[in-house]
Amino acid sequence: MTDQSSVKRFYKTVDVANADDGFQVRLDGKPIRTKRGAPIYAPTRALAEAINAEWAGQRDEIDFGATPLTRILGDAIDADAADQWRDDILAYLKSDLVCYRADAPAKLVERQTAVWDPFLDWLRDELGAGLVVTSGIVSAPQPDIAIERVKTAIDDLPPALLAALRRMTAITGSAVLTLALWKNAFTPEQVFDASIVDETFQRDQWGEDTEATARLDAIRLEFLDLARFVSLLGAD
């Protein structure tokens, strides 16, 4: 892999091979490697086949922007920080986006309640983790038992999955939203839209800002790539 946006295609064949550490996508029989040179192993065949498609679909020049799944997996392998990713997710849970509500205007308060409460209800019902909701700038410590139950739920997740979930949590500002997507309780589109309730409200009130819309579109695309990655990890 390379940081260049495109280079000449240097291979003829792409295939998926079984390996002790998972499934390996090969170019002319040689494994695809991370930016640091480590061979890339996909934990599931579904992810390997999707990565295979990214490379098989390249033409005369390789467009690395069209290989998001390869990049996500490669970055996770290079970083190798599963414990830190797990801790980061739990840290977000302690000051989660969906737990901090506006106290005005009333229409925004209503919208946050309508969109975010179903996610909190899901977390309580699915994982037994009830969180405290507050408004304004007042902080609200979360129950230790809620944090512990989420920790138990994610403790044994594979590193590649933790890496993706951690990035999604950073994008949304919410471990609750990310966990709901991981468990397929809501669609990726529902989750991302829930993460931008405030931005959407401002747009509806004051009109569209072209630069802000372009920024959100780029973030949405990254989020949906991560959501697909997570789905493929659970496909086998």
Foldseek 3Di string as FASTA:
>chain_A
DDPDQKDFDDADDWDWDQDPQAIFIDGNNHGDAAPVGHGFHANYVLLNVVQSCLSVPDDRMRGVVSRLSVHLRSVLVVVVCLVVLLVLLLVLAQVAPLQEAEPDDPVLRVLSCVQRVVLQVCLCVPQVQHFHHDYDPDHDGTDPVNSVSVCVVCVPPDSSLSSLLSVLCVLLSHSSLSVCLLVVVDDLVSSLCSSCSVVVVVCVVPNDDVVVVVVSVVSSVSSVSSSVSSVSSPPD
